C-alpha atoms as a PDB file:
ATOM      1  CA  UNK A   1     109.969 222.462 -30.659  1.00  0.00           C
ATOM      2  CA  UNK A   2     107.468 220.566 -28.658  1.00  0.00           C
ATOM      3  CA  UNK A   3     107.283 216.817 -28.911  1.00  0.00           C
ATOM      4  CA  UNK A   4     104.312 214.759 -27.963  1.00  0.00           C
ATOM      5  CA  UNK A   5     104.813 212.215 -25.198  1.00  0.00           C
ATOM      6  CA  UNK A   6     105.073 208.677 -26.443  1.00  0.00           C
ATOM      7  CA  UNK A   7     101.799 206.746 -26.081  1.00  0.00           C
ATOM      8  CA  UNK A   8     101.767 204.512 -23.062  1.00  0.00           C
ATOM      9  CA  UNK A   9     101.446 200.830 -23.692  1.00  0.00           C
ATOM     10  CA  UNK A  10      99.903 198.437 -21.268  1.00  0.00           C
ATOM     11  CA  UNK A  11     101.697 195.184 -20.631  1.00  0.00           C
ATOM     12  CA  UNK A  12      99.725 192.217 -19.357  1.00  0.00           C
ATOM     13  CA  UNK A  13     101.392 189.282 -17.743  1.00  0.00           C
ATOM     14  CA  UNK A  14     101.132 185.962 -19.603  1.00  0.00           C
ATOM     15  CA  UNK A  15      99.171 184.475 -16.670  1.00  0.00           C
ATOM     16  CA  UNK A  16      96.612 187.303 -16.770  1.00  0.00           C
ATOM     17  CA  UNK A  17      96.243 186.864 -20.528  1.00  0.00           C
ATOM     18  CA  UNK A  18      95.730 183.139 -20.074  1.00  0.00           C
ATOM     19  CA  UNK A  19      93.032 183.680 -17.442  1.00  0.00           C
ATOM     20  CA  UNK A  20      91.279 186.350 -19.507  1.00  0.00           C
ATOM     21  CA  UNK A  21      91.370 184.075 -22.536  1.00  0.00           C
ATOM     22  CA  UNK A  22      89.994 181.098 -20.609  1.00  0.00           C
ATOM     23  CA  UNK A  23      87.078 183.190 -19.378  1.00  0.00           C
ATOM     24  CA  UNK A  24      86.272 184.443 -22.865  1.00  0.00           C
ATOM     25  CA  UNK A  25      86.334 181.026 -24.550  1.00  0.00           C
ATOM     26  CA  UNK A  26      83.059 179.075 -24.473  1.00  0.00           C
ATOM     27  CA  UNK A  27      83.620 176.152 -22.126  1.00  0.00           C
ATOM     28  CA  UNK A  28      86.498 178.025 -20.478  1.00  0.00           C
ATOM     29  CA  UNK A  29      86.707 178.790 -16.786  1.00  0.00           C
ATOM     30  CA  UNK A  30      83.846 181.292 -16.953  1.00  0.00           C
ATOM     31  CA  UNK A  31      81.267 178.596 -17.825  1.00  0.00           C
ATOM     32  CA  UNK A  32      82.132 176.185 -15.033  1.00  0.00           C
ATOM     33  CA  UNK A  33      80.312 175.914 -11.773  1.00  0.00           C
ATOM     34  CA  UNK A  34      82.614 176.496  -8.821  1.00  0.00           C
ATOM     35  CA  UNK A  35      84.047 173.334  -7.288  1.00  0.00           C
ATOM     36  CA  UNK A  36      83.462 172.648  -3.644  1.00  0.00           C
ATOM     37  CA  UNK A  37      84.040 169.770  -1.290  1.00  0.00           C
ATOM     38  CA  UNK A  38      83.317 169.069   2.329  1.00  0.00           C
ATOM     39  CA  UNK A  39      85.060 166.737   4.717  1.00  0.00           C
ATOM     40  CA  UNK A  40      83.307 163.465   5.528  1.00  0.00           C
ATOM     41  CA  UNK A  41      81.041 163.702   8.560  1.00  0.00           C
ATOM     42  CA  UNK A  42      82.394 161.118  10.982  1.00  0.00           C
ATOM     43  CA  UNK A  43      80.141 159.421  13.518  1.00  0.00           C
ATOM     44  CA  UNK A  44      81.246 158.847  17.134  1.00  0.00           C
ATOM     45  CA  UNK A  45      82.729 155.406  16.394  1.00  0.00           C
ATOM     46  CA  UNK A  46      84.780 156.796  13.508  1.00  0.00           C
ATOM     47  CA  UNK A  47      85.958 159.752  15.615  1.00  0.00           C
ATOM     48  CA  UNK A  48      86.727 158.147  18.963  1.00  0.00           C
ATOM     49  CA  UNK A  49      86.936 154.333  18.869  1.00  0.00           C
ATOM     50  CA  UNK A  50      90.420 152.828  19.101  1.00  0.00           C
ATOM     51  CA  UNK A  51      89.241 149.998  16.804  1.00  0.00           C
ATOM     52  CA  UNK A  52      88.670 150.102  13.062  1.00  0.00           C
ATOM     53  CA  UNK A  53      84.948 150.724  12.397  1.00  0.00           C
ATOM     54  CA  UNK A  54      83.262 147.583  11.035  1.00  0.00           C
ATOM     55  CA  UNK A  55      82.282 149.182   7.709  1.00  0.00           C
ATOM     56  CA  UNK A  56      85.954 150.031   6.991  1.00  0.00           C
ATOM     57  CA  UNK A  57      87.539 146.725   8.052  1.00  0.00           C
ATOM     58  CA  UNK A  58      87.606 145.260   4.537  1.00  0.00           C
ATOM     59  CA  UNK A  59      89.414 148.354   3.220  1.00  0.00           C
ATOM     60  CA  UNK A  60      91.800 148.190   6.203  1.00  0.00           C
ATOM     61  CA  UNK A  61      92.517 144.508   5.556  1.00  0.00           C
ATOM     62  CA  UNK A  62      93.313 145.224   1.909  1.00  0.00           C
ATOM     63  CA  UNK A  63      95.634 148.062   2.949  1.00  0.00           C
ATOM     64  CA  UNK A  64      97.471 145.682   5.301  1.00  0.00           C
ATOM     65  CA  UNK A  65      97.753 143.035   2.564  1.00  0.00           C
ATOM     66  CA  UNK A  66      99.161 145.613   0.161  1.00  0.00           C
ATOM     67  CA  UNK A  67     101.747 146.863   2.663  1.00  0.00           C
ATOM     68  CA  UNK A  68     102.827 143.352   3.693  1.00  0.00           C
ATOM     69  CA  UNK A  69     103.135 142.343   0.038  1.00  0.00           C
ATOM     70  CA  UNK A  70     105.178 145.472  -0.780  1.00  0.00           C
ATOM     71  CA  UNK A  71     107.551 145.047   2.167  1.00  0.00           C
ATOM     72  CA  UNK A  72     108.097 141.321   1.556  1.00  0.00           C
ATOM     73  CA  UNK A  73     108.596 141.773  -2.199  1.00  0.00           C
ATOM     74  CA  UNK A  74     111.197 144.526  -1.645  1.00  0.00           C
ATOM     75  CA  UNK A  75     113.067 142.335   0.836  1.00  0.00           C
ATOM     76  CA  UNK A  76     113.049 139.386  -1.598  1.00  0.00           C
ATOM     77  CA  UNK A  77     114.351 141.608  -4.411  1.00  0.00           C
ATOM     78  CA  UNK A  78     117.468 142.335  -2.324  1.00  0.00           C
ATOM     79  CA  UNK A  79     118.403 138.638  -2.161  1.00  0.00           C
ATOM     80  CA  UNK A  80     121.151 137.362  -4.419  1.00  0.00           C
ATOM     81  CA  UNK A  81     120.541 133.639  -3.969  1.00  0.00           C
ATOM     82  CA  UNK A  82     117.658 131.528  -5.194  1.00  0.00           C
ATOM     83  CA  UNK A  83     115.990 128.566  -3.504  1.00  0.00           C
ATOM     84  CA  UNK A  84     115.708 125.101  -5.096  1.00  0.00           C
ATOM     85  CA  UNK A  85     112.646 126.269  -7.067  1.00  0.00           C
ATOM     86  CA  UNK A  86     114.519 129.231  -8.551  1.00  0.00           C
ATOM     87  CA  UNK A  87     112.811 131.861  -6.396  1.00  0.00           C
ATOM     88  CA  UNK A  88     114.075 134.314  -3.831  1.00  0.00           C
ATOM     89  CA  UNK A  89     113.132 133.034  -0.390  1.00  0.00           C
ATOM     90  CA  UNK A  90     113.555 134.976   2.830  1.00  0.00           C
ATOM     91  CA  UNK A  91     114.721 133.234   5.976  1.00  0.00           C
ATOM     92  CA  UNK A  92     112.275 133.040   8.875  1.00  0.00           C
ATOM     93  CA  UNK A  93     114.119 135.691  10.873  1.00  0.00           C
ATOM     94  CA  UNK A  94     114.119 138.085   7.902  1.00  0.00           C
ATOM     95  CA  UNK A  95     110.432 137.739   6.977  1.00  0.00           C
ATOM     96  CA  UNK A  96     109.511 138.051  10.659  1.00  0.00           C
ATOM     97  CA  UNK A  97     111.437 141.345  10.814  1.00  0.00           C
ATOM     98  CA  UNK A  98     109.917 142.536   7.524  1.00  0.00           C
ATOM     99  CA  UNK A  99     106.373 141.844   8.736  1.00  0.00           C
ATOM    100  CA  UNK A 100     107.179 143.703  11.965  1.00  0.00           C
ATOM    101  CA  UNK A 101     108.365 146.658   9.876  1.00  0.00           C
ATOM    102  CA  UNK A 102     105.235 146.601   7.736  1.00  0.00           C
ATOM    103  CA  UNK A 103     103.019 146.788  10.832  1.00  0.00           C
ATOM    104  CA  UNK A 104     105.242 149.355  12.598  1.00  0.00           C
ATOM    105  CA  UNK A 105     105.235 151.880   9.745  1.00  0.00           C
ATOM    106  CA  UNK A 106     103.535 155.260  10.166  1.00  0.00           C
ATOM    107  CA  UNK A 107     100.447 154.530   7.989  1.00  0.00           C
ATOM    108  CA  UNK A 108     100.254 158.287   7.305  1.00  0.00           C
ATOM    109  CA  UNK A 109      99.264 157.853   3.632  1.00  0.00           C
ATOM    110  CA  UNK A 110      95.865 156.445   4.582  1.00  0.00           C
ATOM    111  CA  UNK A 111      92.677 158.220   5.517  1.00  0.00           C
ATOM    112  CA  UNK A 112      88.920 158.368   4.992  1.00  0.00           C
ATOM    113  CA  UNK A 113      87.115 159.946   2.066  1.00  0.00           C
ATOM    114  CA  UNK A 114      83.441 160.031   1.202  1.00  0.00           C
ATOM    115  CA  UNK A 115      82.424 159.027  -2.331  1.00  0.00           C
ATOM    116  CA  UNK A 116      78.747 158.911  -3.297  1.00  0.00           C
ATOM    117  CA  UNK A 117      77.808 159.279   0.374  1.00  0.00           C
ATOM    118  CA  UNK A 118      79.809 156.183   1.327  1.00  0.00           C
ATOM    119  CA  UNK A 119      82.898 156.484   3.511  1.00  0.00           C
ATOM    120  CA  UNK A 120      85.917 154.559   2.304  1.00  0.00           C
ATOM    121  CA  UNK A 121      89.435 154.072   3.540  1.00  0.00           C
ATOM    122  CA  UNK A 122      91.801 155.340   0.851  1.00  0.00           C
ATOM    123  CA  UNK A 123      95.537 155.127   0.335  1.00  0.00           C
ATOM    124  CA  UNK A 124      98.189 153.023  -1.419  1.00  0.00           C
ATOM    125  CA  UNK A 125      96.933 149.661  -2.642  1.00  0.00           C
ATOM    126  CA  UNK A 126      93.243 150.431  -2.250  1.00  0.00           C
ATOM    127  CA  UNK A 127      91.213 150.490  -5.443  1.00  0.00           C
ATOM    128  CA  UNK A 128      90.013 153.953  -6.159  1.00  0.00           C
ATOM    129  CA  UNK A 129      86.791 153.110  -7.979  1.00  0.00           C
ATOM    130  CA  UNK A 130      84.986 156.155  -9.281  1.00  0.00           C
ATOM    131  CA  UNK A 131      87.029 159.232  -8.481  1.00  0.00           C
ATOM    132  CA  UNK A 132      85.137 162.401  -7.625  1.00  0.00           C
ATOM    133  CA  UNK A 133      86.354 165.564  -9.355  1.00  0.00           C
ATOM    134  CA  UNK A 134      87.206 167.002  -5.946  1.00  0.00           C
ATOM    135  CA  UNK A 135      87.133 165.435  -2.498  1.00  0.00           C
ATOM    136  CA  UNK A 136      88.499 165.810   1.011  1.00  0.00           C
ATOM    137  CA  UNK A 137      90.409 163.019   2.734  1.00  0.00           C
ATOM    138  CA  UNK A 138      90.776 162.931   6.517  1.00  0.00           C
ATOM    139  CA  UNK A 139      94.158 161.540   7.572  1.00  0.00           C
ATOM    140  CA  UNK A 140      96.069 161.291  10.817  1.00  0.00           C
ATOM    141  CA  UNK A 141      94.254 161.117  14.122  1.00  0.00           C
ATOM    142  CA  UNK A 142      93.307 157.569  15.046  1.00  0.00           C
ATOM    143  CA  UNK A 143      93.556 156.119  11.503  1.00  0.00           C
ATOM    144  CA  UNK A 144      97.296 155.218  11.555  1.00  0.00           C
ATOM    145  CA  UNK A 145      96.978 153.512  14.954  1.00  0.00           C
ATOM    146  CA  UNK A 146      93.903 151.591  13.824  1.00  0.00           C
ATOM    147  CA  UNK A 147      95.745 150.320  10.746  1.00  0.00           C
ATOM    148  CA  UNK A 148      98.771 149.303  12.809  1.00  0.00           C
ATOM    149  CA  UNK A 149      96.490 147.476  15.260  1.00  0.00           C
ATOM    150  CA  UNK A 150      94.750 145.734  12.348  1.00  0.00           C
ATOM    151  CA  UNK A 151      98.113 144.658  10.934  1.00  0.00           C
ATOM    152  CA  UNK A 152      99.340 143.305  14.282  1.00  0.00           C
ATOM    153  CA  UNK A 153      96.023 141.495  14.753  1.00  0.00           C
ATOM    154  CA  UNK A 154      96.563 139.557  11.510  1.00  0.00           C
ATOM    155  CA  UNK A 155     100.172 138.716  12.396  1.00  0.00           C
ATOM    156  CA  UNK A 156      98.986 137.407  15.771  1.00  0.00           C
ATOM    157  CA  UNK A 157      96.032 135.502  14.351  1.00  0.00           C
ATOM    158  CA  UNK A 158      97.757 133.812  11.401  1.00  0.00           C
ATOM    159  CA  UNK A 159     101.456 133.933  12.295  1.00  0.00           C
ATOM    160  CA  UNK A 160     104.403 135.035  10.217  1.00  0.00           C
ATOM    161  CA  UNK A 161     104.967 131.597   8.641  1.00  0.00           C
ATOM    162  CA  UNK A 162     101.440 131.302   7.252  1.00  0.00           C
ATOM    163  CA  UNK A 163     101.423 134.925   6.069  1.00  0.00           C
ATOM    164  CA  UNK A 164     104.756 134.485   4.265  1.00  0.00           C
ATOM    165  CA  UNK A 165     103.660 131.267   2.563  1.00  0.00           C
ATOM    166  CA  UNK A 166     100.472 132.989   1.356  1.00  0.00           C
ATOM    167  CA  UNK A 167     102.562 135.931   0.100  1.00  0.00           C
ATOM    168  CA  UNK A 168     104.711 133.519  -1.914  1.00  0.00           C
ATOM    169  CA  UNK A 169     101.550 132.327  -3.669  1.00  0.00           C
ATOM    170  CA  UNK A 170     100.641 135.910  -4.640  1.00  0.00           C
ATOM    171  CA  UNK A 171      98.684 138.928  -3.425  1.00  0.00           C
ATOM    172  CA  UNK A 172      95.346 137.176  -4.069  1.00  0.00           C
ATOM    173  CA  UNK A 173      96.314 134.284  -1.801  1.00  0.00           C
ATOM    174  CA  UNK A 174      97.432 136.652   0.954  1.00  0.00           C
ATOM    175  CA  UNK A 175      94.201 138.638   0.665  1.00  0.00           C
ATOM    176  CA  UNK A 176      92.170 135.415   0.758  1.00  0.00           C
ATOM    177  CA  UNK A 177      93.998 134.327   3.913  1.00  0.00           C
ATOM    178  CA  UNK A 178      93.692 137.584   5.838  1.00  0.00           C
ATOM    179  CA  UNK A 179      90.464 139.097   4.476  1.00  0.00           C
ATOM    180  CA  UNK A 180      88.466 136.127   3.182  1.00  0.00           C
ATOM    181  CA  UNK A 181      86.873 133.145   4.839  1.00  0.00           C
ATOM    182  CA  UNK A 182      83.514 133.038   6.600  1.00  0.00           C
ATOM    183  CA  UNK A 183      84.623 135.461   9.344  1.00  0.00           C
ATOM    184  CA  UNK A 184      87.022 137.521   7.224  1.00  0.00           C
ATOM    185  CA  UNK A 185      86.774 141.297   6.986  1.00  0.00           C
ATOM    186  CA  UNK A 186      85.718 141.073   3.329  1.00  0.00           C
ATOM    187  CA  UNK A 187      83.352 138.091   3.576  1.00  0.00           C
ATOM    188  CA  UNK A 188      79.722 138.433   2.543  1.00  0.00           C
ATOM    189  CA  UNK A 189      78.501 138.195   6.155  1.00  0.00           C
ATOM    190  CA  UNK A 190      80.735 141.096   7.212  1.00  0.00           C
ATOM    191  CA  UNK A 191      78.981 144.471   7.141  1.00  0.00           C
ATOM    192  CA  UNK A 192      79.649 146.389   3.952  1.00  0.00           C
ATOM    193  CA  UNK A 193      80.424 150.100   3.838  1.00  0.00           C
ATOM    194  CA  UNK A 194      77.225 151.867   4.760  1.00  0.00           C
ATOM    195  CA  UNK A 195      75.670 154.855   3.149  1.00  0.00           C
ATOM    196  CA  UNK A 196      75.218 157.781   5.495  1.00  0.00           C
ATOM    197  CA  UNK A 197      71.837 159.505   5.580  1.00  0.00           C
END
């Protein structure tokens, strides 16, 4: 007695089925244009200068404010005693050390990205604004050193006491101190981020 071989069945992996289904559905993957992104084209100043380029100084100042505020707030949260006003208050030696730590950090989470043909410094504490669907951020290189230098510049210019008192008034007061004023990095007279041609 001869028996017929059993029919072969084809098994498709769930991932393959998902991809095939997405391509067959209107509006699925098959209808989308491919995504692409290019790295920002940096000019010579952005590539080689040891200093923060003028059009990124406001972003850099805001990054420094954010990091100082974060470091000081974390240090205050560790205190168990309150001052006469009912707030946590760091001693001068502690807030001096905390500000040193905030400037000495690695700054590796920051970099430059181009959005709508404008280069912006991006990272923690910087407003994102309109987010592109896909973008490339350049990190490392000279950017961490530039941010550290910017941070130390503000500590040297304003001093730890004045920075800490502004911090105690809130992030807006600290930003106004470091980034505002007629010569501040975010003042109206300071060059704004420029569009690249």
